[in-house]
Amino acid sequence: QWLGINDLLGGWWFWLGNQGWEYLEIGRFWQILLAAGLFFWFWLVLRA
């Protein structure tokens, strides 16, 4: 997000930097990892 705000990511700002939408500023790549992590967390809860 720091790199994206400062226009240092070029065309990758949306994926690796700052999407720009309030509360959902996290870049799309990190967003995918976060969603995957939450589903992984649910699987850990399920098996426990």
ModelCIF file with pLDDT and N, C-alpha, C, O atoms, coordinates in Angstrom:
data_MODEL
#
_entry.id   MODEL 
#
_entity.id                         1 
_entity.type                       polymer 
_entity.pdbx_number_of_molecules   1 
#
_entity_poly.entity_id                      1 
_entity_poly.type                           'polypeptide(L)' 
_entity_poly.nstd_linkage                   no 
_entity_poly.nstd_monomer                   no 
_entity_poly.pdbx_seq_one_letter_code       QWLGINDLLGGWWFWLGNQGWEYLEIGRFWQILLAAGLFFWFWLVLRA 
_entity_poly.pdbx_seq_one_letter_code_can   QWLGINDLLGGWWFWLGNQGWEYLEIGRFWQILLAAGLFFWFWLVLRA 
_entity_poly.pdbx_strand_id                 A 
#
loop_
_entity_poly_seq.entity_id 
_entity_poly_seq.num 
_entity_poly_seq.mon_id 
_entity_poly_seq.hetero 
1 1  GLN n 
1 2  TRP n 
1 3  LEU n 
1 4  GLY n 
1 5  ILE n 
1 6  ASN n 
1 7  ASP n 
1 8  LEU n 
1 9  LEU n 
1 10 GLY n 
1 11 GLY n 
1 12 TRP n 
1 13 TRP n 
1 14 PHE n 
1 15 TRP n 
1 16 LEU n 
1 17 GLY n 
1 18 ASN n 
1 19 GLN n 
1 20 GLY n 
1 21 TRP n 
1 22 GLU n 
1 23 TYR n 
1 24 LEU n 
1 25 GLU n 
1 26 ILE n 
1 27 GLY n 
1 28 ARG n 
1 29 PHE n 
1 30 TRP n 
1 31 GLN n 
1 32 ILE n 
1 33 LEU n 
1 34 LEU n 
1 35 ALA n 
1 36 ALA n 
1 37 GLY n 
1 38 LEU n 
1 39 PHE n 
1 40 PHE n 
1 41 TRP n 
1 42 PHE n 
1 43 TRP n 
1 44 LEU n 
1 45 VAL n 
1 46 LEU n 
1 47 ARG n 
1 48 ALA n 
#
_struct_asym.id          A 
_struct_asym.entity_id   1 
#
loop_
_ma_qa_metric.id 
_ma_qa_metric.mode 
_ma_qa_metric.name 
_ma_qa_metric.software_group_id 
_ma_qa_metric.type 
1 global pLDDT . pLDDT 
2 local  pLDDT . pLDDT 
#
_ma_qa_metric_global.metric_id      1 
_ma_qa_metric_global.metric_value   94.35 
_ma_qa_metric_global.model_id       1 
_ma_qa_metric_global.ordinal_id     1 
#
loop_
_ma_qa_metric_local.label_asym_id 
_ma_qa_metric_local.label_comp_id 
_ma_qa_metric_local.label_seq_id 
_ma_qa_metric_local.metric_id 
_ma_qa_metric_local.metric_value 
_ma_qa_metric_local.model_id 
_ma_qa_metric_local.ordinal_id 
A GLN 1  2 95.00 1 1  
A TRP 2  2 94.00 1 2  
A LEU 3  2 94.00 1 3  
A GLY 4  2 92.00 1 4  
A ILE 5  2 91.00 1 5  
A ASN 6  2 88.00 1 6  
A ASP 7  2 87.00 1 7  
A LEU 8  2 91.00 1 8  
A LEU 9  2 92.00 1 9  
A GLY 10 2 90.00 1 10 
A GLY 11 2 90.00 1 11 
A TRP 12 2 94.00 1 12 
A TRP 13 2 94.00 1 13 
A PHE 14 2 95.00 1 14 
A TRP 15 2 95.00 1 15 
A LEU 16 2 95.00 1 16 
A GLY 17 2 93.00 1 17 
A ASN 18 2 92.00 1 18 
A GLN 19 2 94.00 1 19 
A GLY 20 2 94.00 1 20 
A TRP 21 2 96.00 1 21 
A GLU 22 2 95.00 1 22 
A TYR 23 2 93.00 1 23 
A LEU 24 2 93.00 1 24 
A GLU 25 2 94.00 1 25 
A ILE 26 2 95.00 1 26 
A GLY 27 2 95.00 1 27 
A ARG 28 2 96.00 1 28 
A PHE 29 2 97.00 1 29 
A TRP 30 2 96.00 1 30 
A GLN 31 2 95.00 1 31 
A ILE 32 2 96.00 1 32 
A LEU 33 2 96.00 1 33 
A LEU 34 2 95.00 1 34 
A ALA 35 2 95.00 1 35 
A ALA 36 2 96.00 1 36 
A GLY 37 2 96.00 1 37 
A LEU 38 2 96.00 1 38 
A PHE 39 2 97.00 1 39 
A PHE 40 2 97.00 1 40 
A TRP 41 2 97.00 1 41 
A PHE 42 2 97.00 1 42 
A TRP 43 2 97.00 1 43 
A LEU 44 2 97.00 1 44 
A VAL 45 2 96.00 1 45 
A LEU 46 2 96.00 1 46 
A ARG 47 2 95.00 1 47 
A ALA 48 2 95.00 1 48 
#
loop_
_atom_site.group_PDB 
_atom_site.id 
_atom_site.type_symbol 
_atom_site.label_atom_id 
_atom_site.label_alt_id 
_atom_site.label_comp_id 
_atom_site.label_asym_id 
_atom_site.label_entity_id 
_atom_site.label_seq_id 
_atom_site.pdbx_PDB_ins_code 
_atom_site.Cartn_x 
_atom_site.Cartn_y 
_atom_site.Cartn_z 
_atom_site.occupancy 
_atom_site.B_iso_or_equiv 
_atom_site.pdbx_formal_charge 
_atom_site.auth_seq_id 
_atom_site.auth_comp_id 
_atom_site.auth_asym_id 
_atom_site.auth_atom_id 
_atom_site.pdbx_PDB_model_num 
ATOM 1   N N  . GLN A 1 1  ? 0.828   -1.206  0.000   1.00 95.00 ? 1  GLN A N  1 
ATOM 2   C CA . GLN A 1 1  ? 0.000   0.000   0.000   1.00 95.00 ? 1  GLN A CA 1 
ATOM 3   C C  . GLN A 1 1  ? 0.865   1.259   0.000   1.00 95.00 ? 1  GLN A C  1 
ATOM 4   O O  . GLN A 1 1  ? 0.525   2.248   -0.650  1.00 95.00 ? 1  GLN A O  1 
ATOM 5   N N  . TRP A 1 2  ? 1.974   1.224   0.723   1.00 94.00 ? 2  TRP A N  1 
ATOM 6   C CA . TRP A 1 2  ? 2.888   2.369   0.709   1.00 94.00 ? 2  TRP A CA 1 
ATOM 7   C C  . TRP A 1 2  ? 3.483   2.571   -0.683  1.00 94.00 ? 2  TRP A C  1 
ATOM 8   O O  . TRP A 1 2  ? 3.577   3.699   -1.167  1.00 94.00 ? 2  TRP A O  1 
ATOM 9   N N  . LEU A 1 3  ? 3.885   1.470   -1.326  1.00 94.00 ? 3  LEU A N  1 
ATOM 10  C CA . LEU A 1 3  ? 4.444   1.564   -2.668  1.00 94.00 ? 3  LEU A CA 1 
ATOM 11  C C  . LEU A 1 3  ? 3.385   2.024   -3.676  1.00 94.00 ? 3  LEU A C  1 
ATOM 12  O O  . LEU A 1 3  ? 3.669   2.827   -4.564  1.00 94.00 ? 3  LEU A O  1 
ATOM 13  N N  . GLY A 1 4  ? 2.155   1.502   -3.526  1.00 92.00 ? 4  GLY A N  1 
ATOM 14  C CA . GLY A 1 4  ? 1.098   1.858   -4.468  1.00 92.00 ? 4  GLY A CA 1 
ATOM 15  C C  . GLY A 1 4  ? 0.708   3.321   -4.375  1.00 92.00 ? 4  GLY A C  1 
ATOM 16  O O  . GLY A 1 4  ? 0.537   3.982   -5.399  1.00 92.00 ? 4  GLY A O  1 
ATOM 17  N N  . ILE A 1 5  ? 0.565   3.834   -3.164  1.00 91.00 ? 5  ILE A N  1 
ATOM 18  C CA . ILE A 1 5  ? 0.207   5.246   -2.962  1.00 91.00 ? 5  ILE A CA 1 
ATOM 19  C C  . ILE A 1 5  ? 1.246   6.160   -3.596  1.00 91.00 ? 5  ILE A C  1 
ATOM 20  O O  . ILE A 1 5  ? 0.911   7.212   -4.139  1.00 91.00 ? 5  ILE A O  1 
ATOM 21  N N  . ASN A 1 6  ? 2.511   5.750   -3.523  1.00 88.00 ? 6  ASN A N  1 
ATOM 22  C CA . ASN A 1 6  ? 3.593   6.564   -4.078  1.00 88.00 ? 6  ASN A CA 1 
ATOM 23  C C  . ASN A 1 6  ? 3.851   6.274   -5.555  1.00 88.00 ? 6  ASN A C  1 
ATOM 24  O O  . ASN A 1 6  ? 4.855   6.722   -6.110  1.00 88.00 ? 6  ASN A O  1 
ATOM 25  N N  . ASP A 1 7  ? 2.946   5.525   -6.196  1.00 87.00 ? 7  ASP A N  1 
ATOM 26  C CA . ASP A 1 7  ? 3.011   5.247   -7.632  1.00 87.00 ? 7  ASP A CA 1 
ATOM 27  C C  . ASP A 1 7  ? 4.333   4.585   -8.018  1.00 87.00 ? 7  ASP A C  1 
ATOM 28  O O  . ASP A 1 7  ? 4.939   4.935   -9.030  1.00 87.00 ? 7  ASP A O  1 
ATOM 29  N N  . LEU A 1 8  ? 4.775   3.619   -7.196  1.00 91.00 ? 8  LEU A N  1 
ATOM 30  C CA . LEU A 1 8  ? 6.029   2.925   -7.442  1.00 91.00 ? 8  LEU A CA 1 
ATOM 31  C C  . LEU A 1 8  ? 5.831   1.511   -7.985  1.00 91.00 ? 8  LEU A C  1 
ATOM 32  O O  . LEU A 1 8  ? 6.802   0.782   -8.188  1.00 91.00 ? 8  LEU A O  1 
ATOM 33  N N  . LEU A 1 9  ? 4.582   1.124   -8.218  1.00 92.00 ? 9  LEU A N  1 
ATOM 34  C CA . LEU A 1 9  ? 4.306   -0.227  -8.698  1.00 92.00 ? 9  LEU A CA 1 
ATOM 35  C C  . LEU A 1 9  ? 3.834   -0.263  -10.142 1.00 92.00 ? 9  LEU A C  1 
ATOM 36  O O  . LEU A 1 9  ? 3.562   -1.337  -10.679 1.00 92.00 ? 9  LEU A O  1 
ATOM 37  N N  . GLY A 1 10 ? 3.734   0.904   -10.777 1.00 90.00 ? 10 GLY A N  1 
ATOM 38  C CA . GLY A 1 10 ? 3.294   0.939   -12.171 1.00 90.00 ? 10 GLY A CA 1 
ATOM 39  C C  . GLY A 1 10 ? 1.905   0.348   -12.326 1.00 90.00 ? 10 GLY A C  1 
ATOM 40  O O  . GLY A 1 10 ? 0.988   0.674   -11.572 1.00 90.00 ? 10 GLY A O  1 
ATOM 41  N N  . GLY A 1 11 ? 1.763   -0.522  -13.308 1.00 90.00 ? 11 GLY A N  1 
ATOM 42  C CA . GLY A 1 11 ? 0.471   -1.136  -13.582 1.00 90.00 ? 11 GLY A CA 1 
ATOM 43  C C  . GLY A 1 11 ? 0.068   -2.205  -12.579 1.00 90.00 ? 11 GLY A C  1 
ATOM 44  O O  . GLY A 1 11 ? -1.039  -2.738  -12.651 1.00 90.00 ? 11 GLY A O  1 
ATOM 45  N N  . TRP A 1 12 ? 0.958   -2.522  -11.641 1.00 94.00 ? 12 TRP A N  1 
ATOM 46  C CA . TRP A 1 12 ? 0.662   -3.552  -10.645 1.00 94.00 ? 12 TRP A CA 1 
ATOM 47  C C  . TRP A 1 12 ? 0.029   -2.976  -9.381  1.00 94.00 ? 12 TRP A C  1 
ATOM 48  O O  . TRP A 1 12 ? -0.147  -3.707  -8.406  1.00 94.00 ? 12 TRP A O  1 
ATOM 49  N N  . TRP A 1 13 ? -0.315  -1.699  -9.367  1.00 94.00 ? 13 TRP A N  1 
ATOM 50  C CA . TRP A 1 13 ? -0.816  -1.060  -8.148  1.00 94.00 ? 13 TRP A CA 1 
ATOM 51  C C  . TRP A 1 13 ? -2.058  -1.760  -7.600  1.00 94.00 ? 13 TRP A C  1 
ATOM 52  O O  . TRP A 1 13 ? -2.217  -1.876  -6.385  1.00 94.00 ? 13 TRP A O  1 
ATOM 53  N N  . PHE A 1 14 ? -2.941  -2.226  -8.488  1.00 95.00 ? 14 PHE A N  1 
ATOM 54  C CA . PHE A 1 14 ? -4.182  -2.847  -8.037  1.00 95.00 ? 14 PHE A CA 1 
ATOM 55  C C  . PHE A 1 14 ? -3.924  -4.226  -7.426  1.00 95.00 ? 14 PHE A C  1 
ATOM 56  O O  . PHE A 1 14 ? -4.605  -4.618  -6.479  1.00 95.00 ? 14 PHE A O  1 
ATOM 57  N N  . TRP A 1 15 ? -2.948  -4.961  -7.959  1.00 95.00 ? 15 TRP A N  1 
ATOM 58  C CA . TRP A 1 15 ? -2.696  -6.331  -7.512  1.00 95.00 ? 15 TRP A CA 1 
ATOM 59  C C  . TRP A 1 15 ? -1.777  -6.403  -6.301  1.00 95.00 ? 15 TRP A C  1 
ATOM 60  O O  . TRP A 1 15 ? -2.019  -7.193  -5.388  1.00 95.00 ? 15 TRP A O  1 
ATOM 61  N N  . LEU A 1 16 ? -0.745  -5.603  -6.282  1.00 95.00 ? 16 LEU A N  1 
ATOM 62  C CA . LEU A 1 16 ? 0.241   -5.703  -5.206  1.00 95.00 ? 16 LEU A CA 1 
ATOM 63  C C  . LEU A 1 16 ? 0.195   -4.534  -4.231  1.00 95.00 ? 16 LEU A C  1 
ATOM 64  O O  . LEU A 1 16 ? 0.756   -4.615  -3.139  1.00 95.00 ? 16 LEU A O  1 
ATOM 65  N N  . GLY A 1 17 ? -0.467  -3.451  -4.617  1.00 93.00 ? 17 GLY A N  1 
ATOM 66  C CA . GLY A 1 17 ? -0.445  -2.252  -3.784  1.00 93.00 ? 17 GLY A CA 1 
ATOM 67  C C  . GLY A 1 17 ? -1.750  -1.971  -3.092  1.00 93.00 ? 17 GLY A C  1 
ATOM 68  O O  . GLY A 1 17 ? -2.133  -2.661  -2.147  1.00 93.00 ? 17 GLY A O  1 
ATOM 69  N N  . ASN A 1 18 ? -2.433  -0.948  -3.572  1.00 92.00 ? 18 ASN A N  1 
ATOM 70  C CA . ASN A 1 18 ? -3.617  -0.438  -2.912  1.00 92.00 ? 18 ASN A CA 1 
ATOM 71  C C  . ASN A 1 18 ? -4.778  -0.435  -3.896  1.00 92.00 ? 18 ASN A C  1 
ATOM 72  O O  . ASN A 1 18 ? -4.775  0.337   -4.855  1.00 92.00 ? 18 ASN A O  1 
ATOM 73  N N  . GLN A 1 19 ? -5.779  -1.299  -3.668  1.00 94.00 ? 19 GLN A N  1 
ATOM 74  C CA . GLN A 1 19 ? -6.945  -1.306  -4.549  1.00 94.00 ? 19 GLN A CA 1 
ATOM 75  C C  . GLN A 1 19 ? -7.685  0.025   -4.515  1.00 94.00 ? 19 GLN A C  1 
ATOM 76  O O  . GLN A 1 19 ? -8.286  0.431   -5.510  1.00 94.00 ? 19 GLN A O  1 
ATOM 77  N N  . GLY A 1 20 ? -7.643  0.701   -3.378  1.00 94.00 ? 20 GLY A N  1 
ATOM 78  C CA . GLY A 1 20 ? -8.237  2.024   -3.296  1.00 94.00 ? 20 GLY A CA 1 
ATOM 79  C C  . GLY A 1 20 ? -9.624  2.090   -2.722  1.00 94.00 ? 20 GLY A C  1 
ATOM 80  O O  . GLY A 1 20 ? -10.076 3.172   -2.348  1.00 94.00 ? 20 GLY A O  1 
ATOM 81  N N  . TRP A 1 21 ? -10.330 0.959   -2.635  1.00 96.00 ? 21 TRP A N  1 
ATOM 82  C CA . TRP A 1 21 ? -11.685 0.968   -2.090  1.00 96.00 ? 21 TRP A CA 1 
ATOM 83  C C  . TRP A 1 21 ? -11.622 0.969   -0.569  1.00 96.00 ? 21 TRP A C  1 
ATOM 84  O O  . TRP A 1 21 ? -10.940 0.132   0.024   1.00 96.00 ? 21 TRP A O  1 
ATOM 85  N N  . GLU A 1 22 ? -12.328 1.902   0.067   1.00 95.00 ? 22 GLU A N  1 
ATOM 86  C CA . GLU A 1 22 ? -12.281 2.036   1.526   1.00 95.00 ? 22 GLU A CA 1 
ATOM 87  C C  . GLU A 1 22 ? -12.620 0.709   2.208   1.00 95.00 ? 22 GLU A C  1 
ATOM 88  O O  . GLU A 1 22 ? -13.585 0.041   1.839   1.00 95.00 ? 22 GLU A O  1 
ATOM 89  N N  . TYR A 1 23 ? -11.824 0.339   3.195   1.00 93.00 ? 23 TYR A N  1 
ATOM 90  C CA . TYR A 1 23 ? -11.889 -0.909  3.954   1.00 93.00 ? 23 TYR A CA 1 
ATOM 91  C C  . TYR A 1 23 ? -11.352 -2.102  3.173   1.00 93.00 ? 23 TYR A C  1 
ATOM 92  O O  . TYR A 1 23 ? -10.987 -3.114  3.771   1.00 93.00 ? 23 TYR A O  1 
ATOM 93  N N  . LEU A 1 24 ? -11.298 -2.002  1.862   1.00 93.00 ? 24 LEU A N  1 
ATOM 94  C CA . LEU A 1 24 ? -10.794 -3.099  1.035   1.00 93.00 ? 24 LEU A CA 1 
ATOM 95  C C  . LEU A 1 24 ? -9.600  -2.615  0.228   1.00 93.00 ? 24 LEU A C  1 
ATOM 96  O O  . LEU A 1 24 ? -9.447  -2.952  -0.946  1.00 93.00 ? 24 LEU A O  1 
ATOM 97  N N  . GLU A 1 25 ? -8.751  -1.813  0.883   1.00 94.00 ? 25 GLU A N  1 
ATOM 98  C CA . GLU A 1 25 ? -7.600  -1.253  0.181   1.00 94.00 ? 25 GLU A CA 1 
ATOM 99  C C  . GLU A 1 25 ? -6.552  -2.312  -0.152  1.00 94.00 ? 25 GLU A C  1 
ATOM 100 O O  . GLU A 1 25 ? -5.748  -2.114  -1.062  1.00 94.00 ? 25 GLU A O  1 
ATOM 101 N N  . ILE A 1 26 ? -6.547  -3.415  0.557   1.00 95.00 ? 26 ILE A N  1 
ATOM 102 C CA . ILE A 1 26 ? -5.542  -4.457  0.389   1.00 95.00 ? 26 ILE A CA 1 
ATOM 103 C C  . ILE A 1 26 ? -5.476  -4.904  -1.072  1.00 95.00 ? 26 ILE A C  1 
ATOM 104 O O  . ILE A 1 26 ? -6.507  -5.152  -1.697  1.00 95.00 ? 26 ILE A O  1 
ATOM 105 N N  . GLY A 1 27 ? -4.247  -5.006  -1.616  1.00 95.00 ? 27 GLY A N  1 
ATOM 106 C CA . GLY A 1 27 ? -4.065  -5.409  -3.008  1.00 95.00 ? 27 GLY A CA 1 
ATOM 107 C C  . GLY A 1 27 ? -4.694  -6.764  -3.301  1.00 95.00 ? 27 GLY A C  1 
ATOM 108 O O  . GLY A 1 27 ? -4.780  -7.613  -2.414  1.00 95.00 ? 27 GLY A O  1 
ATOM 109 N N  . ARG A 1 28 ? -5.128  -6.970  -4.524  1.00 96.00 ? 28 ARG A N  1 
ATOM 110 C CA . ARG A 1 28 ? -5.870  -8.179  -4.882  1.00 96.00 ? 28 ARG A CA 1 
ATOM 111 C C  . ARG A 1 28 ? -5.060  -9.454  -4.627  1.00 96.00 ? 28 ARG A C  1 
ATOM 112 O O  . ARG A 1 28 ? -5.630  -10.461 -4.207  1.00 96.00 ? 28 ARG A O  1 
ATOM 113 N N  . PHE A 1 29 ? -3.752  -9.436  -4.870  1.00 97.00 ? 29 PHE A N  1 
ATOM 114 C CA . PHE A 1 29 ? -2.926  -10.614 -4.607  1.00 97.00 ? 29 PHE A CA 1 
ATOM 115 C C  . PHE A 1 29 ? -2.953  -10.965 -3.127  1.00 97.00 ? 29 PHE A C  1 
ATOM 116 O O  . PHE A 1 29 ? -3.137  -12.127 -2.763  1.00 97.00 ? 29 PHE A O  1 
ATOM 117 N N  . TRP A 1 30 ? -2.769  -9.950  -2.264  1.00 96.00 ? 30 TRP A N  1 
ATOM 118 C CA . TRP A 1 30 ? -2.787  -10.194 -0.815  1.00 96.00 ? 30 TRP A CA 1 
ATOM 119 C C  . TRP A 1 30 ? -4.188  -10.577 -0.366  1.00 96.00 ? 30 TRP A C  1 
ATOM 120 O O  . TRP A 1 30 ? -4.359  -11.324 0.597   1.00 96.00 ? 30 TRP A O  1 
ATOM 121 N N  . GLN A 1 31 ? -5.175  -10.066 -1.061  1.00 95.00 ? 31 GLN A N  1 
ATOM 122 C CA . GLN A 1 31 ? -6.563  -10.394 -0.741  1.00 95.00 ? 31 GLN A CA 1 
ATOM 123 C C  . GLN A 1 31 ? -6.841  -11.881 -0.990  1.00 95.00 ? 31 GLN A C  1 
ATOM 124 O O  . GLN A 1 31 ? -7.514  -12.542 -0.198  1.00 95.00 ? 31 GLN A O  1 
ATOM 125 N N  . ILE A 1 32 ? -6.319  -12.382 -2.084  1.00 96.00 ? 32 ILE A N  1 
ATOM 126 C CA . ILE A 1 32 ? -6.475  -13.810 -2.390  1.00 96.00 ? 32 ILE A CA 1 
ATOM 127 C C  . ILE A 1 32 ? -5.807  -14.657 -1.316  1.00 96.00 ? 32 ILE A C  1 
ATOM 128 O O  . ILE A 1 32 ? -6.374  -15.651 -0.863  1.00 96.00 ? 32 ILE A O  1 
ATOM 129 N N  . LEU A 1 33 ? -4.605  -14.267 -0.909  1.00 96.00 ? 33 LEU A N  1 
ATOM 130 C CA . LEU A 1 33 ? -3.900  -15.008 0.142   1.00 96.00 ? 33 LEU A CA 1 
ATOM 131 C C  . LEU A 1 33 ? -4.676  -14.947 1.457   1.00 96.00 ? 33 LEU A C  1 
ATOM 132 O O  . LEU A 1 33 ? -4.753  -15.940 2.181   1.00 96.00 ? 33 LEU A O  1 
ATOM 133 N N  . LEU A 1 34 ? -5.247  -13.787 1.764   1.00 95.00 ? 34 LEU A N  1 
ATOM 134 C CA . LEU A 1 34 ? -6.016  -13.656 3.002   1.00 95.00 ? 34 LEU A CA 1 
ATOM 135 C C  . LEU A 1 34 ? -7.237  -14.566 2.984   1.00 95.00 ? 34 LEU A C  1 
ATOM 136 O O  . LEU A 1 34 ? -7.515  -15.242 3.974   1.00 95.00 ? 34 LEU A O  1 
ATOM 137 N N  . ALA A 1 35 ? -7.971  -14.593 1.876   1.00 95.00 ? 35 ALA A N  1 
ATOM 138 C CA . ALA A 1 35 ? -9.143  -15.458 1.772   1.00 95.00 ? 35 ALA A CA 1 
ATOM 139 C C  . ALA A 1 35 ? -8.738  -16.928 1.887   1.00 95.00 ? 35 ALA A C  1 
ATOM 140 O O  . ALA A 1 35 ? -9.407  -17.708 2.565   1.00 95.00 ? 35 ALA A O  1 
ATOM 141 N N  . ALA A 1 36 ? -7.638  -17.304 1.221   1.00 96.00 ? 36 ALA A N  1 
ATOM 142 C CA . ALA A 1 36 ? -7.156  -18.681 1.317   1.00 96.00 ? 36 ALA A CA 1 
ATOM 143 C C  . ALA A 1 36 ? -6.781  -19.019 2.759   1.00 96.00 ? 36 ALA A C  1 
ATOM 144 O O  . ALA A 1 36 ? -7.061  -20.118 3.238   1.00 96.00 ? 36 ALA A O  1 
ATOM 145 N N  . GLY A 1 37 ? -6.147  -18.067 3.447   1.00 96.00 ? 37 GLY A N  1 
ATOM 146 C CA . GLY A 1 37 ? -5.775  -18.287 4.841   1.00 96.00 ? 37 GLY A CA 1 
ATOM 147 C C  . GLY A 1 37 ? -6.982  -18.470 5.736   1.00 96.00 ? 37 GLY A C  1 
ATOM 148 O O  . GLY A 1 37 ? -6.947  -19.282 6.661   1.00 96.00 ? 37 GLY A O  1 
ATOM 149 N N  . LEU A 1 38 ? -8.058  -17.725 5.479   1.00 96.00 ? 38 LEU A N  1 
ATOM 150 C CA . LEU A 1 38 ? -9.269  -17.868 6.287   1.00 96.00 ? 38 LEU A CA 1 
ATOM 151 C C  . LEU A 1 38 ? -9.937  -19.225 6.058   1.00 96.00 ? 38 LEU A C  1 
ATOM 152 O O  . LEU A 1 38 ? -10.443 -19.830 7.003   1.00 96.00 ? 38 LEU A O  1 
ATOM 153 N N  . PHE A 1 39 ? -9.942  -19.702 4.829   1.00 97.00 ? 39 PHE A N  1 
ATOM 154 C CA . PHE A 1 39 ? -10.493 -21.039 4.574   1.00 97.00 ? 39 PHE A CA 1 
ATOM 155 C C  . PHE A 1 39 ? -9.607  -22.119 5.199   1.00 97.00 ? 39 PHE A C  1 
ATOM 156 O O  . PHE A 1 39 ? -10.108 -23.127 5.697   1.00 97.00 ? 39 PHE A O  1 
ATOM 157 N N  . PHE A 1 40 ? -8.299  -21.904 5.170   1.00 97.00 ? 40 PHE A N  1 
ATOM 158 C CA . PHE A 1 40 ? -7.374  -22.831 5.833   1.00 97.00 ? 40 PHE A CA 1 
ATOM 159 C C  . PHE A 1 40 ? -7.641  -22.842 7.335   1.00 97.00 ? 40 PHE A C  1 
ATOM 160 O O  . PHE A 1 40 ? -7.639  -23.900 7.965   1.00 97.00 ? 40 PHE A O  1 
ATOM 161 N N  . TRP A 1 41 ? -7.869  -21.662 7.904   1.00 97.00 ? 41 TRP A N  1 
ATOM 162 C CA . TRP A 1 41 ? -8.211  -21.563 9.326   1.00 97.00 ? 41 TRP A CA 1 
ATOM 163 C C  . TRP A 1 41 ? -9.496  -22.340 9.619   1.00 97.00 ? 41 TRP A C  1 
ATOM 164 O O  . TRP A 1 41 ? -9.566  -23.053 10.620  1.00 97.00 ? 41 TRP A O  1 
ATOM 165 N N  . PHE A 1 42 ? -10.502 -22.215 8.770   1.00 97.00 ? 42 PHE A N  1 
ATOM 166 C CA . PHE A 1 42 ? -11.747 -22.954 8.994   1.00 97.00 ? 42 PHE A CA 1 
ATOM 167 C C  . PHE A 1 42 ? -11.487 -24.458 8.977   1.00 97.00 ? 42 PHE A C  1 
ATOM 168 O O  . PHE A 1 42 ? -12.064 -25.198 9.774   1.00 97.00 ? 42 PHE A O  1 
ATOM 169 N N  . TRP A 1 43 ? -10.625 -24.907 8.077   1.00 97.00 ? 43 TRP A N  1 
ATOM 170 C CA . TRP A 1 43 ? -10.305 -26.339 8.027   1.00 97.00 ? 43 TRP A CA 1 
ATOM 171 C C  . TRP A 1 43 ? -9.628  -26.784 9.321   1.00 97.00 ? 43 TRP A C  1 
ATOM 172 O O  . TRP A 1 43 ? -9.900  -27.881 9.807   1.00 97.00 ? 43 TRP A O  1 
ATOM 173 N N  . LEU A 1 44 ? -8.762  -25.963 9.879   1.00 97.00 ? 44 LEU A N  1 
ATOM 174 C CA . LEU A 1 44 ? -8.114  -26.292 11.152  1.00 97.00 ? 44 LEU A CA 1 
ATOM 175 C C  . LEU A 1 44 ? -9.150  -26.381 12.271  1.00 97.00 ? 44 LEU A C  1 
ATOM 176 O O  . LEU A 1 44 ? -9.081  -27.274 13.116  1.00 97.00 ? 44 LEU A O  1 
ATOM 177 N N  . VAL A 1 45 ? -10.108 -25.457 12.274  1.00 96.00 ? 45 VAL A N  1 
ATOM 178 C CA . VAL A 1 45 ? -11.178 -25.501 13.272  1.00 96.00 ? 45 VAL A CA 1 
ATOM 179 C C  . VAL A 1 45 ? -12.014 -26.760 13.085  1.00 96.00 ? 45 VAL A C  1 
ATOM 180 O O  . VAL A 1 45 ? -12.359 -27.432 14.057  1.00 96.00 ? 45 VAL A O  1 
ATOM 181 N N  . LEU A 1 46 ? -12.338 -27.074 11.838  1.00 96.00 ? 46 LEU A N  1 
ATOM 182 C CA . LEU A 1 46 ? -13.174 -28.237 11.533  1.00 96.00 ? 46 LEU A CA 1 
ATOM 183 C C  . LEU A 1 46 ? -12.528 -29.531 12.025  1.00 96.00 ? 46 LEU A C  1 
ATOM 184 O O  . LEU A 1 46 ? -13.191 -30.348 12.664  1.00 96.00 ? 46 LEU A O  1 
ATOM 185 N N  . ARG A 1 47 ? -11.250 -29.722 11.734  1.00 95.00 ? 47 ARG A N  1 
ATOM 186 C CA . ARG A 1 47 ? -10.583 -30.970 12.143  1.00 95.00 ? 47 ARG A CA 1 
ATOM 187 C C  . ARG A 1 47 ? -10.414 -31.035 13.657  1.00 95.00 ? 47 ARG A C  1 
ATOM 188 O O  . ARG A 1 47 ? -10.367 -32.127 14.223  1.00 95.00 ? 47 ARG A O  1 
ATOM 189 N N  . ALA A 1 48 ? -10.321 -29.883 14.322  1.00 95.00 ? 48 ALA A N  1 
ATOM 190 C CA . ALA A 1 48 ? -10.148 -29.888 15.774  1.00 95.00 ? 48 ALA A CA 1 
ATOM 191 C C  . ALA A 1 48 ? -11.434 -30.261 16.503  1.00 95.00 ? 48 ALA A C  1 
ATOM 192 O O  . ALA A 1 48 ? -11.454 -30.310 17.732  1.00 95.00 ? 48 ALA A O  1 
#
